[in-house]
Structures are given as C-alpha cells and as structure tokens.
Amino acid sequence: MFGNGVKMGIWQQRWGAAILFVCLSATVSAAPLVVYTENYPPFNFADDDGTVDGIATAKVRQLLDEAGVDYSFRLLPWARAMHHAQSDDNALIFSLAWTPKREKRFDWLAPLAEASFYLHARADDMRPFTPEAIKSGAYTGSCVANDLGCEFFLWVGMPPANIIPIHKDLTGDFQMVIARRADLYISDVTVNNLLRRSHGYDPALTRPVMKLEGKTGFYLAAGLQVPQATRGKIKAAYARL
C-alpha cells in the first residue's frame, strides 16, 4: 500500500512536470515575432505617425499574414537590428541584403526586391575605377560599420586597411566621399537617390562607377536560432503566394 502510494506520487510529479513543460513550450512558441528593419526608403521607413511602411514592408506584412503568425515591426539602427536578429529566437529581419559572409548565418526566407549595388564616387572624380585598381589599394572606401557596404568592399577585393568604417547611418559614407575623406561608397542606385534628396543633397554630387556583379537582393531572413517550425511556416506561405 505504502509502496503503491509512493509510486503514484512519483508518477503524479512526473506528469505534472511534463504538463508544465508543454505549457511553457506552448507559451514560448506562441510569442509574437518581432520583425526588425531600418530606415531605408523606399523599401522600409517610418511614416509621420511612426508606422513602419514601404515597398518591402508591404510584402513582409502580406507574407506573415498568409503564414498566420502574430508579429510586430520595430525600426532600429541597423547594428541593433542585426544584433536582435542573430540572438532572439522570435526575431526576423528585412530588408537584409545577401552577401557571401552572411549566407550561412541566416535562413533566407523570402526575396523582397532586386538590388543594383554600385560603387559611387564624386561626380568630378574621373580616375579609372577598375577592379584591378581597387584590389591594388589605389582607392579608399567608406561604409557604415557592420553594414553591407563594408562586406561588399571586401567582396570586391579592397584591402581591409583601405576600408574606413564609420558609425553614422544613412548619409555618413556619402558625406565622407563628398568631403574627399574617402574615394568610394556603395549603395543601391534607387536608394542612393532617395536618401540624398531626403537629407537635402543633390544626388548628382556623386555618380555610380562600378556595378557589383553576382547574387544580390533584399530578403526577409531569420537567424538560425529561430525555431525551424517558424521558419518553415513562413517559407510555406511564400510558396503559396
């Protein structure tokens, strides 16, 4: 009798622990996704009322609604958005540009837009901007620290010592070039024109001088720590759309 009571008590404890685990797991898996991005018009930006809008934002919203998941958008400086995207298990990020360095660090859930990335120089700088000259160290490049520009400069073979990372988002790399403190920066051509005008600059101050070839584009992506079930649900929704 006593022995049976002890056994029943043990089983009750185990069942209770199992039920608690299932409940906690359901709570964790049901946590709304936080979808991070930056101010990068026309793909993603904040309206006057703070709502995240843009071409890519509309596509992400349609995709996540199709997937039937709860989510919210957060617009942050890019370095902080990337930190959350690679550490939080309920985080997504867009518009993330594909680079060779990033390829294995993220699950590329859905393409959002094509991109045409170019190296840009001052409009009055007529030196020959060839791949050979860049690889030889003839030019310097400015880029926002931890952003795709720095990775793209390495991709095209610019010596690391010639890459000047800065911590000012959006126009900092452009300002370095027009101030003659760097020779080149990298931007998608459409984004470049919109950003310069939105900050009161004439886009004609610089010109595209060399196109980056290869696989480029903007994506909705997830860090590999995000549960596979969540990533699979979003990929299935993209396939349906």
C-alpha atoms as a PDB file:
ATOM      1  CA  MET A   1       0.000   0.000   0.000  1.00  0.00           C
ATOM      2  CA  PHE A   2       2.647   2.443   1.040  1.00  0.00           C
ATOM      3  CA  GLY A   3       4.806   1.419  -1.882  1.00  0.00           C
ATOM      4  CA  ASN A   4       1.983   1.981  -4.359  1.00  0.00           C
ATOM      5  CA  GLY A   5       1.299   5.383  -2.863  1.00  0.00           C
ATOM      6  CA  VAL A   6       4.926   6.395  -3.326  1.00  0.00           C
ATOM      7  CA  LYS A   7       4.873   5.218  -6.946  1.00  0.00           C
ATOM      8  CA  MET A   8       1.696   7.132  -7.656  1.00  0.00           C
ATOM      9  CA  GLY A   9       3.203  10.242  -6.077  1.00  0.00           C
ATOM     10  CA  ILE A  10       6.285   9.958  -8.275  1.00  0.00           C
ATOM     11  CA  TRP A  11       4.191   9.500 -11.423  1.00  0.00           C
ATOM     12  CA  GLN A  12       1.984  12.438 -10.471  1.00  0.00           C
ATOM     13  CA  GLN A  13       5.081  14.604 -10.080  1.00  0.00           C
ATOM     14  CA  ARG A  14       6.433  13.456 -13.443  1.00  0.00           C
ATOM     15  CA  TRP A  15       3.122  14.037 -15.207  1.00  0.00           C
ATOM     16  CA  GLY A  16       2.835  17.442 -13.568  1.00  0.00           C
ATOM     17  CA  ALA A  17       6.324  18.363 -14.701  1.00  0.00           C
ATOM     18  CA  ALA A  18       5.562  17.151 -18.235  1.00  0.00           C
ATOM     19  CA  ILE A  19       2.356  19.171 -18.419  1.00  0.00           C
ATOM     20  CA  LEU A  20       4.165  22.257 -17.120  1.00  0.00           C
ATOM     21  CA  PHE A  21       6.877  21.785 -19.750  1.00  0.00           C
ATOM     22  CA  VAL A  22       4.293  21.519 -22.542  1.00  0.00           C
ATOM     23  CA  CYS A  23       2.508  24.638 -21.294  1.00  0.00           C
ATOM     24  CA  LEU A  24       5.739  26.601 -21.087  1.00  0.00           C
ATOM     25  CA  SER A  25       6.788  25.406 -24.532  1.00  0.00           C
ATOM     26  CA  ALA A  26       3.451  26.498 -25.983  1.00  0.00           C
ATOM     27  CA  THR A  27       3.841  29.881 -24.338  1.00  0.00           C
ATOM     28  CA  VAL A  28       7.321  30.338 -25.775  1.00  0.00           C
ATOM     29  CA  SER A  29       6.333  29.189 -29.278  1.00  0.00           C
ATOM     30  CA  ALA A  30       3.316  31.484 -29.207  1.00  0.00           C
ATOM     31  CA  ALA A  31       5.437  34.576 -28.527  1.00  0.00           C
ATOM     32  CA  PRO A  32       4.784  37.140 -31.294  1.00  0.00           C
ATOM     33  CA  LEU A  33       7.537  37.602 -33.839  1.00  0.00           C
ATOM     34  CA  VAL A  34       9.396  40.908 -33.772  1.00  0.00           C
ATOM     35  CA  VAL A  35      10.337  41.950 -37.295  1.00  0.00           C
ATOM     36  CA  TYR A  36      13.305  44.316 -37.331  1.00  0.00           C
ATOM     37  CA  THR A  37      14.373  46.705 -40.038  1.00  0.00           C
ATOM     38  CA  GLU A  38      15.956  50.131 -40.515  1.00  0.00           C
ATOM     39  CA  ASN A  39      15.076  53.413 -42.196  1.00  0.00           C
ATOM     40  CA  TYR A  40      15.895  52.564 -45.811  1.00  0.00           C
ATOM     41  CA  PRO A  41      13.407  54.174 -48.221  1.00  0.00           C
ATOM     42  CA  PRO A  42      11.651  53.215 -50.419  1.00  0.00           C
ATOM     43  CA  PHE A  43      11.834  49.678 -49.020  1.00  0.00           C
ATOM     44  CA  ASN A  44      11.217  50.409 -45.321  1.00  0.00           C
ATOM     45  CA  PHE A  45      10.780  53.638 -43.371  1.00  0.00           C
ATOM     46  CA  ALA A  46       8.676  55.244 -40.636  1.00  0.00           C
ATOM     47  CA  ASP A  47       5.636  57.362 -41.522  1.00  0.00           C
ATOM     48  CA  ASP A  48       4.911  60.592 -39.661  1.00  0.00           C
ATOM     49  CA  ASP A  49       2.860  58.650 -37.115  1.00  0.00           C
ATOM     50  CA  GLY A  50       5.667  56.132 -36.547  1.00  0.00           C
ATOM     51  CA  THR A  51       4.099  53.304 -38.566  1.00  0.00           C
ATOM     52  CA  VAL A  52       6.652  51.228 -40.480  1.00  0.00           C
ATOM     53  CA  ASP A  53       5.834  51.438 -44.178  1.00  0.00           C
ATOM     54  CA  GLY A  54       7.474  50.894 -47.560  1.00  0.00           C
ATOM     55  CA  ILE A  55       7.594  48.563 -50.546  1.00  0.00           C
ATOM     56  CA  ALA A  56       9.331  45.725 -48.708  1.00  0.00           C
ATOM     57  CA  THR A  57       7.261  46.271 -45.555  1.00  0.00           C
ATOM     58  CA  ALA A  58       4.042  45.693 -47.510  1.00  0.00           C
ATOM     59  CA  LYS A  59       5.388  42.400 -48.870  1.00  0.00           C
ATOM     60  CA  VAL A  60       6.507  41.224 -45.425  1.00  0.00           C
ATOM     61  CA  ARG A  61       3.121  42.115 -43.965  1.00  0.00           C
ATOM     62  CA  GLN A  62       1.319  40.145 -46.686  1.00  0.00           C
ATOM     63  CA  LEU A  63       3.610  37.146 -46.203  1.00  0.00           C
ATOM     64  CA  LEU A  64       3.289  36.980 -42.412  1.00  0.00           C
ATOM     65  CA  ASP A  65      -0.477  37.435 -42.587  1.00  0.00           C
ATOM     66  CA  GLU A  66      -0.587  34.494 -45.004  1.00  0.00           C
ATOM     67  CA  ALA A  67       1.551  32.471 -42.574  1.00  0.00           C
ATOM     68  CA  GLY A  68      -0.932  33.210 -39.778  1.00  0.00           C
ATOM     69  CA  VAL A  69       1.647  34.355 -37.227  1.00  0.00           C
ATOM     70  CA  ASP A  70       1.483  37.199 -34.732  1.00  0.00           C
ATOM     71  CA  TYR A  71       4.092  39.877 -35.325  1.00  0.00           C
ATOM     72  CA  SER A  72       5.066  43.497 -34.854  1.00  0.00           C
ATOM     73  CA  PHE A  73       7.542  45.740 -36.651  1.00  0.00           C
ATOM     74  CA  ARG A  74      10.430  47.577 -34.997  1.00  0.00           C
ATOM     75  CA  LEU A  75      12.577  50.111 -36.824  1.00  0.00           C
ATOM     76  CA  LEU A  76      16.061  50.418 -35.276  1.00  0.00           C
ATOM     77  CA  PRO A  77      19.587  51.456 -36.247  1.00  0.00           C
ATOM     78  CA  TRP A  78      20.954  48.617 -38.348  1.00  0.00           C
ATOM     79  CA  ALA A  79      23.586  47.380 -35.888  1.00  0.00           C
ATOM     80  CA  ARG A  80      20.934  46.895 -33.179  1.00  0.00           C
ATOM     81  CA  ALA A  81      18.514  45.260 -35.606  1.00  0.00           C
ATOM     82  CA  MET A  82      21.225  42.790 -36.643  1.00  0.00           C
ATOM     83  CA  HIS A  83      22.039  42.016 -33.008  1.00  0.00           C
ATOM     84  CA  HIS A  84      18.436  41.078 -32.243  1.00  0.00           C
ATOM     85  CA  ALA A  85      18.092  39.122 -35.500  1.00  0.00           C
ATOM     86  CA  GLN A  86      21.049  36.915 -34.606  1.00  0.00           C
ATOM     87  CA  SER A  87      20.287  36.406 -30.909  1.00  0.00           C
ATOM     88  CA  ASP A  88      16.488  36.406 -30.309  1.00  0.00           C
ATOM     89  CA  ASP A  89      14.512  33.252 -31.112  1.00  0.00           C
ATOM     90  CA  ASN A  90      11.412  35.247 -32.104  1.00  0.00           C
ATOM     91  CA  ALA A  91      13.164  37.782 -34.370  1.00  0.00           C
ATOM     92  CA  LEU A  92      13.091  38.293 -38.140  1.00  0.00           C
ATOM     93  CA  ILE A  93      14.860  40.967 -40.177  1.00  0.00           C
ATOM     94  CA  PHE A  94      14.335  42.718 -43.523  1.00  0.00           C
ATOM     95  CA  SER A  95      15.421  44.224 -45.960  1.00  0.00           C
ATOM     96  CA  LEU A  96      18.585  42.195 -45.467  1.00  0.00           C
ATOM     97  CA  ALA A  97      20.943  42.240 -48.421  1.00  0.00           C
ATOM     98  CA  TRP A  98      22.575  38.951 -49.317  1.00  0.00           C
ATOM     99  CA  THR A  99      26.369  38.902 -49.027  1.00  0.00           C
ATOM    100  CA  PRO A 100      28.781  35.957 -49.111  1.00  0.00           C
ATOM    101  CA  LYS A 101      29.658  36.485 -45.436  1.00  0.00           C
ATOM    102  CA  ARG A 102      26.003  36.467 -44.381  1.00  0.00           C
ATOM    103  CA  GLU A 103      24.892  33.492 -46.478  1.00  0.00           C
ATOM    104  CA  LYS A 104      25.377  30.775 -43.826  1.00  0.00           C
ATOM    105  CA  ARG A 105      24.427  32.966 -40.850  1.00  0.00           C
ATOM    106  CA  PHE A 106      20.781  33.384 -41.878  1.00  0.00           C
ATOM    107  CA  ASP A 107      17.879  31.451 -43.309  1.00  0.00           C
ATOM    108  CA  TRP A 108      16.772  33.449 -46.360  1.00  0.00           C
ATOM    109  CA  LEU A 109      13.001  33.101 -46.050  1.00  0.00           C
ATOM    110  CA  ALA A 110      11.754  35.157 -48.985  1.00  0.00           C
ATOM    111  CA  PRO A 111      13.135  37.592 -51.576  1.00  0.00           C
ATOM    112  CA  LEU A 112      11.590  41.051 -51.386  1.00  0.00           C
ATOM    113  CA  ALA A 113      13.292  43.141 -54.065  1.00  0.00           C
ATOM    114  CA  GLU A 114      16.088  43.064 -56.568  1.00  0.00           C
ATOM    115  CA  ALA A 115      19.047  45.339 -55.951  1.00  0.00           C
ATOM    116  CA  SER A 116      21.545  47.156 -58.133  1.00  0.00           C
ATOM    117  CA  PHE A 117      24.536  47.929 -55.953  1.00  0.00           C
ATOM    118  CA  TYR A 118      27.207  50.215 -57.339  1.00  0.00           C
ATOM    119  CA  LEU A 119      30.393  51.765 -56.113  1.00  0.00           C
ATOM    120  CA  HIS A 120      29.854  55.530 -56.120  1.00  0.00           C
ATOM    121  CA  ALA A 121      32.486  58.244 -56.432  1.00  0.00           C
ATOM    122  CA  ARG A 122      32.369  62.049 -56.547  1.00  0.00           C
ATOM    123  CA  ALA A 123      30.891  63.244 -59.808  1.00  0.00           C
ATOM    124  CA  ASP A 124      34.061  65.193 -60.633  1.00  0.00           C
ATOM    125  CA  ASP A 125      36.418  62.279 -59.899  1.00  0.00           C
ATOM    126  CA  MET A 126      37.327  60.861 -63.296  1.00  0.00           C
ATOM    127  CA  ARG A 127      40.015  58.398 -62.264  1.00  0.00           C
ATOM    128  CA  PRO A 128      39.684  54.825 -63.618  1.00  0.00           C
ATOM    129  CA  PHE A 129      37.740  52.806 -61.030  1.00  0.00           C
ATOM    130  CA  THR A 130      38.595  49.318 -62.201  1.00  0.00           C
ATOM    131  CA  PRO A 131      38.538  46.075 -60.199  1.00  0.00           C
ATOM    132  CA  GLU A 132      42.300  45.844 -60.595  1.00  0.00           C
ATOM    133  CA  ALA A 133      42.855  49.355 -59.224  1.00  0.00           C
ATOM    134  CA  ILE A 134      40.570  48.698 -56.256  1.00  0.00           C
ATOM    135  CA  LYS A 135      42.320  45.416 -55.410  1.00  0.00           C
ATOM    136  CA  SER A 136      45.718  47.118 -55.663  1.00  0.00           C
ATOM    137  CA  GLY A 137      44.780  49.584 -52.920  1.00  0.00           C
ATOM    138  CA  ALA A 138      44.567  52.654 -55.144  1.00  0.00           C
ATOM    139  CA  TYR A 139      41.316  53.819 -53.526  1.00  0.00           C
ATOM    140  CA  THR A 140      39.702  54.057 -50.112  1.00  0.00           C
ATOM    141  CA  GLY A 141      36.094  53.169 -49.307  1.00  0.00           C
ATOM    142  CA  SER A 142      33.744  54.485 -46.628  1.00  0.00           C
ATOM    143  CA  CYS A 143      30.985  52.345 -45.142  1.00  0.00           C
ATOM    144  CA  VAL A 144      28.721  52.228 -42.092  1.00  0.00           C
ATOM    145  CA  ALA A 145      30.264  49.895 -39.501  1.00  0.00           C
ATOM    146  CA  ASN A 146      28.756  46.379 -39.529  1.00  0.00           C
ATOM    147  CA  ASP A 147      26.697  47.197 -42.615  1.00  0.00           C
ATOM    148  CA  LEU A 148      26.730  45.559 -46.014  1.00  0.00           C
ATOM    149  CA  GLY A 149      28.960  48.245 -47.572  1.00  0.00           C
ATOM    150  CA  CYS A 150      31.970  47.083 -45.561  1.00  0.00           C
ATOM    151  CA  GLU A 151      31.305  43.469 -46.560  1.00  0.00           C
ATOM    152  CA  PHE A 152      30.889  44.425 -50.214  1.00  0.00           C
ATOM    153  CA  PHE A 153      34.214  46.279 -50.243  1.00  0.00           C
ATOM    154  CA  LEU A 154      35.901  43.096 -49.008  1.00  0.00           C
ATOM    155  CA  TRP A 155      33.946  41.122 -51.600  1.00  0.00           C
ATOM    156  CA  VAL A 156      35.335  43.225 -54.467  1.00  0.00           C
ATOM    157  CA  GLY A 157      38.858  42.844 -53.094  1.00  0.00           C
ATOM    158  CA  MET A 158      39.558  46.216 -51.480  1.00  0.00           C
ATOM    159  CA  PRO A 159      42.381  45.807 -48.911  1.00  0.00           C
ATOM    160  CA  PRO A 160      40.972  45.949 -45.354  1.00  0.00           C
ATOM    161  CA  ALA A 161      43.350  48.806 -44.496  1.00  0.00           C
ATOM    162  CA  ASN A 162      41.652  50.922 -47.175  1.00  0.00           C
ATOM    163  CA  ILE A 163      38.142  50.451 -45.757  1.00  0.00           C
ATOM    164  CA  ILE A 164      37.011  53.264 -43.437  1.00  0.00           C
ATOM    165  CA  PRO A 165      34.084  52.185 -41.221  1.00  0.00           C
ATOM    166  CA  ILE A 166      32.022  54.961 -39.653  1.00  0.00           C
ATOM    167  CA  HIS A 167      29.147  54.935 -37.164  1.00  0.00           C
ATOM    168  CA  LYS A 168      26.806  57.448 -38.797  1.00  0.00           C
ATOM    169  CA  ASP A 169      23.906  55.758 -40.583  1.00  0.00           C
ATOM    170  CA  LEU A 170      22.327  56.639 -43.927  1.00  0.00           C
ATOM    171  CA  THR A 171      24.443  59.559 -45.205  1.00  0.00           C
ATOM    172  CA  GLY A 172      27.745  59.184 -43.363  1.00  0.00           C
ATOM    173  CA  ASP A 173      29.537  57.219 -46.085  1.00  0.00           C
ATOM    174  CA  PHE A 174      28.236  59.601 -48.757  1.00  0.00           C
ATOM    175  CA  GLN A 175      29.398  62.622 -46.717  1.00  0.00           C
ATOM    176  CA  MET A 176      32.866  61.115 -46.351  1.00  0.00           C
ATOM    177  CA  VAL A 177      33.158  60.876 -50.133  1.00  0.00           C
ATOM    178  CA  ILE A 178      31.909  64.371 -50.978  1.00  0.00           C
ATOM    179  CA  ALA A 179      34.206  65.746 -48.246  1.00  0.00           C
ATOM    180  CA  ARG A 180      37.133  63.972 -50.017  1.00  0.00           C
ATOM    181  CA  ARG A 181      37.936  61.898 -46.954  1.00  0.00           C
ATOM    182  CA  ALA A 182      37.224  58.700 -48.899  1.00  0.00           C
ATOM    183  CA  ASP A 183      37.043  57.824 -52.572  1.00  0.00           C
ATOM    184  CA  LEU A 184      34.105  55.421 -52.745  1.00  0.00           C
ATOM    185  CA  TYR A 185      30.922  54.254 -51.036  1.00  0.00           C
ATOM    186  CA  ILE A 186      28.422  51.536 -52.018  1.00  0.00           C
ATOM    187  CA  SER A 187      24.667  51.897 -52.450  1.00  0.00           C
ATOM    188  CA  ASP A 188      21.746  50.606 -54.419  1.00  0.00           C
ATOM    189  CA  VAL A 189      21.135  53.249 -57.087  1.00  0.00           C
ATOM    190  CA  THR A 190      17.463  53.810 -56.296  1.00  0.00           C
ATOM    191  CA  VAL A 191      18.051  54.041 -52.565  1.00  0.00           C
ATOM    192  CA  ASN A 192      21.006  56.348 -53.132  1.00  0.00           C
ATOM    193  CA  ASN A 193      18.925  58.939 -54.979  1.00  0.00           C
ATOM    194  CA  LEU A 194      16.084  58.863 -52.440  1.00  0.00           C
ATOM    195  CA  LEU A 195      18.373  59.110 -49.423  1.00  0.00           C
ATOM    196  CA  ARG A 196      20.340  62.048 -50.804  1.00  0.00           C
ATOM    197  CA  ARG A 197      17.199  64.021 -51.618  1.00  0.00           C
ATOM    198  CA  SER A 198      15.593  63.210 -48.262  1.00  0.00           C
ATOM    199  CA  HIS A 199      18.627  64.706 -46.493  1.00  0.00           C
ATOM    200  CA  GLY A 200      18.834  67.797 -48.695  1.00  0.00           C
ATOM    201  CA  TYR A 201      21.654  66.708 -51.012  1.00  0.00           C
ATOM    202  CA  ASP A 202      21.770  66.691 -54.785  1.00  0.00           C
ATOM    203  CA  PRO A 203      22.251  63.063 -55.947  1.00  0.00           C
ATOM    204  CA  ALA A 204      24.325  64.438 -58.821  1.00  0.00           C
ATOM    205  CA  LEU A 205      27.163  65.142 -56.373  1.00  0.00           C
ATOM    206  CA  THR A 206      28.205  61.519 -56.885  1.00  0.00           C
ATOM    207  CA  ARG A 207      27.975  59.006 -59.697  1.00  0.00           C
ATOM    208  CA  PRO A 208      27.915  55.200 -59.954  1.00  0.00           C
ATOM    209  CA  VAL A 209      31.238  53.959 -61.288  1.00  0.00           C
ATOM    210  CA  MET A 210      31.177  50.150 -60.972  1.00  0.00           C
ATOM    211  CA  LYS A 211      28.330  47.626 -60.600  1.00  0.00           C
ATOM    212  CA  LEU A 212      28.636  44.764 -58.145  1.00  0.00           C
ATOM    213  CA  GLU A 213      28.036  41.560 -60.050  1.00  0.00           C
ATOM    214  CA  GLY A 214      26.703  38.323 -58.607  1.00  0.00           C
ATOM    215  CA  LYS A 215      23.839  37.378 -56.310  1.00  0.00           C
ATOM    216  CA  THR A 216      22.396  40.482 -54.671  1.00  0.00           C
ATOM    217  CA  GLY A 217      18.962  41.465 -53.447  1.00  0.00           C
ATOM    218  CA  PHE A 218      16.888  42.232 -50.350  1.00  0.00           C
ATOM    219  CA  TYR A 219      15.303  39.468 -48.269  1.00  0.00           C
ATOM    220  CA  LEU A 220      13.198  38.636 -45.253  1.00  0.00           C
ATOM    221  CA  ALA A 221      15.513  36.468 -43.180  1.00  0.00           C
ATOM    222  CA  ALA A 222      15.800  34.680 -39.856  1.00  0.00           C
ATOM    223  CA  GLY A 223      18.754  33.823 -37.711  1.00  0.00           C
ATOM    224  CA  LEU A 224      19.439  30.112 -37.356  1.00  0.00           C
ATOM    225  CA  GLN A 225      18.350  30.246 -33.695  1.00  0.00           C
ATOM    226  CA  VAL A 226      14.737  30.913 -34.752  1.00  0.00           C
ATOM    227  CA  PRO A 227      12.764  27.617 -34.478  1.00  0.00           C
ATOM    228  CA  GLN A 228      12.697  25.591 -37.671  1.00  0.00           C
ATOM    229  CA  ALA A 229       8.907  25.282 -37.409  1.00  0.00           C
ATOM    230  CA  THR A 230       8.530  29.070 -37.524  1.00  0.00           C
ATOM    231  CA  ARG A 231      10.855  29.393 -40.490  1.00  0.00           C
ATOM    232  CA  GLY A 232       9.099  26.546 -42.305  1.00  0.00           C
ATOM    233  CA  LYS A 233       5.683  28.123 -41.815  1.00  0.00           C
ATOM    234  CA  ILE A 234       6.853  31.381 -43.425  1.00  0.00           C
ATOM    235  CA  LYS A 235       8.526  29.588 -46.328  1.00  0.00           C
ATOM    236  CA  ALA A 236       5.326  27.629 -46.955  1.00  0.00           C
ATOM    237  CA  ALA A 237       3.347  30.866 -47.004  1.00  0.00           C
ATOM    238  CA  TYR A 238       5.771  32.345 -49.533  1.00  0.00           C
ATOM    239  CA  ALA A 239       5.361  29.245 -51.732  1.00  0.00           C
ATOM    240  CA  ARG A 240       1.569  29.655 -51.632  1.00  0.00           C
ATOM    241  CA  LEU A 241       1.789  33.337 -52.575  1.00  0.00           C
END
